[in-house]
Amino acid sequence: MALRSVGNAEDAFLSAVESMPEGYLECRGSQHRFNIVEAFRIVDSGHEQGARSHGGEKVYARRTLKCDRCIDPETGHSMVRHDFYRITSRRGHTFLEKINATYDPPPGYATKGLGRIDGNRGLVLGAQLERAMGETPVRGRGRPRKSS
């Protein structure tokens, strides 16, 4: 029973992937190409409007990065990642320890309702291979599927 639901989730994921722009697939298959758009800055969530604590830290360092590859063709938005760091000291030197990161995906990047699918990178790479082969679906060890 569990295998069937995984298969259905994979099928739904692949259906969503089929309509994604090539840049989205490149990022899903080989990770994002992030560039820093806002350098490190100290955030005091107790005094800054809209800021909240991260990892129990009310004062932390944050930087913002943006992917230059997975850009929505209609809106021009791309994946944005915000990194949050605990500020400490080691032997008198400032030391940053990553607390977490949040992501703001471009429209159409997230596969809503599917959650995280184990092995989705392999599915994405397979979809990229099929696109590269002229969208000829493959089976087994790269052999073309028989036509219906």
C-alpha atoms as a PDB file:
ATOM      1  CA  MET A   1       0.000   0.000   0.000  1.00  0.00           C
ATOM      2  CA  ALA A   2       2.792   2.445   0.880  1.00  0.00           C
ATOM      3  CA  LEU A   3       4.581   1.758  -2.412  1.00  0.00           C
ATOM      4  CA  ARG A   4       1.462   2.628  -4.336  1.00  0.00           C
ATOM      5  CA  SER A   5       1.150   6.036  -2.666  1.00  0.00           C
ATOM      6  CA  VAL A   6       4.842   6.728  -3.358  1.00  0.00           C
ATOM      7  CA  GLY A   7       4.314   5.846  -7.020  1.00  0.00           C
ATOM      8  CA  ASN A   8       1.309   8.141  -7.202  1.00  0.00           C
ATOM      9  CA  ALA A   9       3.280  10.939  -5.543  1.00  0.00           C
ATOM     10  CA  GLU A  10       6.138  10.408  -8.002  1.00  0.00           C
ATOM     11  CA  ASP A  11       3.714  10.484 -10.941  1.00  0.00           C
ATOM     12  CA  ALA A  12       2.178  13.717  -9.638  1.00  0.00           C
ATOM     13  CA  PHE A  13       5.651  15.190  -9.133  1.00  0.00           C
ATOM     14  CA  LEU A  14       6.701  14.251 -12.674  1.00  0.00           C
ATOM     15  CA  SER A  15       3.509  15.786 -14.056  1.00  0.00           C
ATOM     16  CA  ALA A  16       4.390  19.039 -12.286  1.00  0.00           C
ATOM     17  CA  VAL A  17       7.988  18.853 -13.528  1.00  0.00           C
ATOM     18  CA  GLU A  18       6.915  18.458 -17.174  1.00  0.00           C
ATOM     19  CA  SER A  19       5.648  22.030 -17.338  1.00  0.00           C
ATOM     20  CA  MET A  20       8.575  23.616 -15.467  1.00  0.00           C
ATOM     21  CA  PRO A  21      11.032  25.871 -17.308  1.00  0.00           C
ATOM     22  CA  GLU A  22      14.473  24.373 -17.990  1.00  0.00           C
ATOM     23  CA  GLY A  23      16.110  26.641 -15.373  1.00  0.00           C
ATOM     24  CA  TYR A  24      13.897  25.159 -12.664  1.00  0.00           C
ATOM     25  CA  LEU A  25      14.950  21.649 -13.656  1.00  0.00           C
ATOM     26  CA  GLU A  26      18.616  22.636 -13.722  1.00  0.00           C
ATOM     27  CA  CYS A  27      18.365  23.935 -10.151  1.00  0.00           C
ATOM     28  CA  ARG A  28      16.388  20.927  -8.934  1.00  0.00           C
ATOM     29  CA  GLY A  29      18.905  18.585 -10.579  1.00  0.00           C
ATOM     30  CA  SER A  30      22.192  20.263  -9.670  1.00  0.00           C
ATOM     31  CA  GLN A  31      21.339  22.803  -6.947  1.00  0.00           C
ATOM     32  CA  HIS A  32      20.847  26.540  -7.140  1.00  0.00           C
ATOM     33  CA  ARG A  33      23.452  29.045  -8.290  1.00  0.00           C
ATOM     34  CA  PHE A  34      23.058  31.602  -5.521  1.00  0.00           C
ATOM     35  CA  ASN A  35      24.542  35.087  -5.508  1.00  0.00           C
ATOM     36  CA  ILE A  36      24.571  37.355  -2.474  1.00  0.00           C
ATOM     37  CA  VAL A  37      22.066  40.202  -2.876  1.00  0.00           C
ATOM     38  CA  GLU A  38      22.152  41.437   0.722  1.00  0.00           C
ATOM     39  CA  ALA A  39      25.392  41.036   2.658  1.00  0.00           C
ATOM     40  CA  PHE A  40      25.472  40.012   6.306  1.00  0.00           C
ATOM     41  CA  ARG A  41      23.642  42.320   8.647  1.00  0.00           C
ATOM     42  CA  ILE A  42      22.705  42.090  12.293  1.00  0.00           C
ATOM     43  CA  VAL A  43      18.988  41.806  13.038  1.00  0.00           C
ATOM     44  CA  ASP A  44      17.529  42.605  16.459  1.00  0.00           C
ATOM     45  CA  SER A  45      14.066  41.039  16.381  1.00  0.00           C
ATOM     46  CA  GLY A  46      13.119  42.906  19.565  1.00  0.00           C
ATOM     47  CA  HIS A  47      13.461  46.267  17.843  1.00  0.00           C
ATOM     48  CA  GLU A  48      13.046  45.641  14.119  1.00  0.00           C
ATOM     49  CA  GLN A  49       9.559  45.762  12.610  1.00  0.00           C
ATOM     50  CA  GLY A  50       8.518  42.377  11.160  1.00  0.00           C
ATOM     51  CA  ALA A  51      11.601  40.502  12.400  1.00  0.00           C
ATOM     52  CA  ARG A  52      11.211  37.370  14.505  1.00  0.00           C
ATOM     53  CA  SER A  53      13.627  35.224  16.447  1.00  0.00           C
ATOM     54  CA  HIS A  54      15.383  32.260  14.796  1.00  0.00           C
ATOM     55  CA  GLY A  55      16.645  29.224  16.650  1.00  0.00           C
ATOM     56  CA  GLY A  56      15.849  30.960  19.932  1.00  0.00           C
ATOM     57  CA  GLU A  57      18.098  33.882  19.005  1.00  0.00           C
ATOM     58  CA  LYS A  58      16.576  37.353  19.182  1.00  0.00           C
ATOM     59  CA  VAL A  59      19.705  38.961  17.758  1.00  0.00           C
ATOM     60  CA  TYR A  60      21.310  37.184  14.803  1.00  0.00           C
ATOM     61  CA  ALA A  61      23.081  37.739  11.497  1.00  0.00           C
ATOM     62  CA  ARG A  62      21.176  37.387   8.232  1.00  0.00           C
ATOM     63  CA  ARG A  63      22.144  37.428   4.590  1.00  0.00           C
ATOM     64  CA  THR A  64      20.041  37.059   1.472  1.00  0.00           C
ATOM     65  CA  LEU A  65      20.949  35.192  -1.689  1.00  0.00           C
ATOM     66  CA  LYS A  66      19.180  34.881  -5.036  1.00  0.00           C
ATOM     67  CA  CYS A  67      19.508  32.227  -7.734  1.00  0.00           C
ATOM     68  CA  ASP A  68      20.444  33.558 -11.154  1.00  0.00           C
ATOM     69  CA  ARG A  69      19.212  30.472 -13.014  1.00  0.00           C
ATOM     70  CA  CYS A  70      15.670  29.476 -11.954  1.00  0.00           C
ATOM     71  CA  ILE A  71      13.909  32.656 -13.021  1.00  0.00           C
ATOM     72  CA  ASP A  72      10.163  32.693 -13.705  1.00  0.00           C
ATOM     73  CA  PRO A  73       9.833  33.817 -17.335  1.00  0.00           C
ATOM     74  CA  GLU A  74       6.649  35.812 -16.675  1.00  0.00           C
ATOM     75  CA  THR A  75       7.437  37.622 -13.412  1.00  0.00           C
ATOM     76  CA  GLY A  76      11.250  37.666 -13.436  1.00  0.00           C
ATOM     77  CA  HIS A  77      11.309  36.349  -9.841  1.00  0.00           C
ATOM     78  CA  SER A  78      13.816  33.705  -8.844  1.00  0.00           C
ATOM     79  CA  MET A  79      14.515  31.561  -5.786  1.00  0.00           C
ATOM     80  CA  VAL A  80      15.520  33.675  -2.773  1.00  0.00           C
ATOM     81  CA  ARG A  81      17.238  32.163   0.258  1.00  0.00           C
ATOM     82  CA  HIS A  82      17.599  33.897   3.628  1.00  0.00           C
ATOM     83  CA  ASP A  83      20.335  32.459   5.864  1.00  0.00           C
ATOM     84  CA  PHE A  84      20.205  33.026   9.619  1.00  0.00           C
ATOM     85  CA  TYR A  85      23.276  32.742  11.864  1.00  0.00           C
ATOM     86  CA  ARG A  86      23.899  32.701  15.624  1.00  0.00           C
ATOM     87  CA  ILE A  87      26.617  35.214  16.522  1.00  0.00           C
ATOM     88  CA  THR A  88      29.163  33.909  19.020  1.00  0.00           C
ATOM     89  CA  SER A  89      32.834  34.291  19.758  1.00  0.00           C
ATOM     90  CA  ARG A  90      35.779  31.886  19.616  1.00  0.00           C
ATOM     91  CA  ARG A  91      38.964  32.985  21.323  1.00  0.00           C
ATOM     92  CA  GLY A  92      37.976  36.611  20.844  1.00  0.00           C
ATOM     93  CA  HIS A  93      36.997  36.254  17.164  1.00  0.00           C
ATOM     94  CA  THR A  94      33.464  36.581  15.808  1.00  0.00           C
ATOM     95  CA  PHE A  95      32.053  33.178  14.856  1.00  0.00           C
ATOM     96  CA  LEU A  96      28.810  32.547  12.939  1.00  0.00           C
ATOM     97  CA  GLU A  97      26.901  29.285  13.318  1.00  0.00           C
ATOM     98  CA  LYS A  98      24.103  28.673  10.811  1.00  0.00           C
ATOM     99  CA  ILE A  99      20.718  28.379  12.527  1.00  0.00           C
ATOM    100  CA  ASN A 100      18.493  27.829   9.511  1.00  0.00           C
ATOM    101  CA  ALA A 101      17.492  29.068   6.081  1.00  0.00           C
ATOM    102  CA  THR A 102      14.171  30.006   4.537  1.00  0.00           C
ATOM    103  CA  TYR A 103      13.306  29.945   0.860  1.00  0.00           C
ATOM    104  CA  ASP A 104      10.965  32.051  -1.271  1.00  0.00           C
ATOM    105  CA  PRO A 105      10.467  30.112  -4.519  1.00  0.00           C
ATOM    106  CA  PRO A 106       9.456  31.680  -7.821  1.00  0.00           C
ATOM    107  CA  PRO A 107       5.939  30.973  -9.108  1.00  0.00           C
ATOM    108  CA  GLY A 108       5.564  27.386 -10.352  1.00  0.00           C
ATOM    109  CA  TYR A 109       8.717  26.068  -8.649  1.00  0.00           C
ATOM    110  CA  ALA A 110       7.079  24.470  -5.612  1.00  0.00           C
ATOM    111  CA  THR A 111       5.078  21.290  -6.114  1.00  0.00           C
ATOM    112  CA  LYS A 112       2.167  22.083  -3.823  1.00  0.00           C
ATOM    113  CA  GLY A 113       0.526  19.287  -1.872  1.00  0.00           C
ATOM    114  CA  LEU A 114       3.193  16.720  -2.696  1.00  0.00           C
ATOM    115  CA  GLY A 115       5.578  17.363   0.169  1.00  0.00           C
ATOM    116  CA  ARG A 116       9.175  16.201  -0.116  1.00  0.00           C
ATOM    117  CA  ILE A 117       9.604  13.167  -2.330  1.00  0.00           C
ATOM    118  CA  ASP A 118      12.617  10.971  -1.594  1.00  0.00           C
ATOM    119  CA  GLY A 119      14.781  10.626  -4.664  1.00  0.00           C
ATOM    120  CA  ASN A 120      13.186  13.537  -6.501  1.00  0.00           C
ATOM    121  CA  ARG A 121      16.600  14.666  -7.811  1.00  0.00           C
ATOM    122  CA  GLY A 122      16.837  11.363  -9.691  1.00  0.00           C
ATOM    123  CA  LEU A 123      13.359  11.932 -11.110  1.00  0.00           C
ATOM    124  CA  VAL A 124      14.324  15.448 -12.189  1.00  0.00           C
ATOM    125  CA  LEU A 125      17.545  14.248 -13.809  1.00  0.00           C
ATOM    126  CA  GLY A 126      15.533  11.585 -15.641  1.00  0.00           C
ATOM    127  CA  ALA A 127      13.101  14.233 -16.879  1.00  0.00           C
ATOM    128  CA  GLN A 128      16.059  16.320 -18.084  1.00  0.00           C
ATOM    129  CA  LEU A 129      17.446  13.281 -19.928  1.00  0.00           C
ATOM    130  CA  GLU A 130      14.094  12.732 -21.595  1.00  0.00           C
ATOM    131  CA  ARG A 131      13.971  16.397 -22.682  1.00  0.00           C
ATOM    132  CA  ALA A 132      17.520  16.125 -24.036  1.00  0.00           C
ATOM    133  CA  MET A 133      16.532  13.011 -26.008  1.00  0.00           C
ATOM    134  CA  GLY A 134      13.682  14.879 -27.660  1.00  0.00           C
ATOM    135  CA  GLU A 135      11.181  13.890 -24.970  1.00  0.00           C
ATOM    136  CA  THR A 136      11.447  10.191 -25.823  1.00  0.00           C
ATOM    137  CA  PRO A 137      10.537   8.449 -22.556  1.00  0.00           C
ATOM    138  CA  VAL A 138      12.993   5.747 -21.514  1.00  0.00           C
ATOM    139  CA  ARG A 139      12.711   2.548 -19.536  1.00  0.00           C
ATOM    140  CA  GLY A 140      15.197   0.269 -17.848  1.00  0.00           C
ATOM    141  CA  ARG A 141      18.779   1.026 -18.780  1.00  0.00           C
ATOM    142  CA  GLY A 142      18.128   3.984 -21.034  1.00  0.00           C
ATOM    143  CA  ARG A 143      16.309   1.991 -23.701  1.00  0.00           C
ATOM    144  CA  PRO A 144      13.504   3.878 -25.476  1.00  0.00           C
ATOM    145  CA  ARG A 145       9.995   2.802 -24.528  1.00  0.00           C
ATOM    146  CA  LYS A 146       7.997   0.906 -27.095  1.00  0.00           C
ATOM    147  CA  SER A 147       5.485   3.072 -28.871  1.00  0.00           C
ATOM    148  CA  SER A 148       1.826   2.431 -28.041  1.00  0.00           C
END
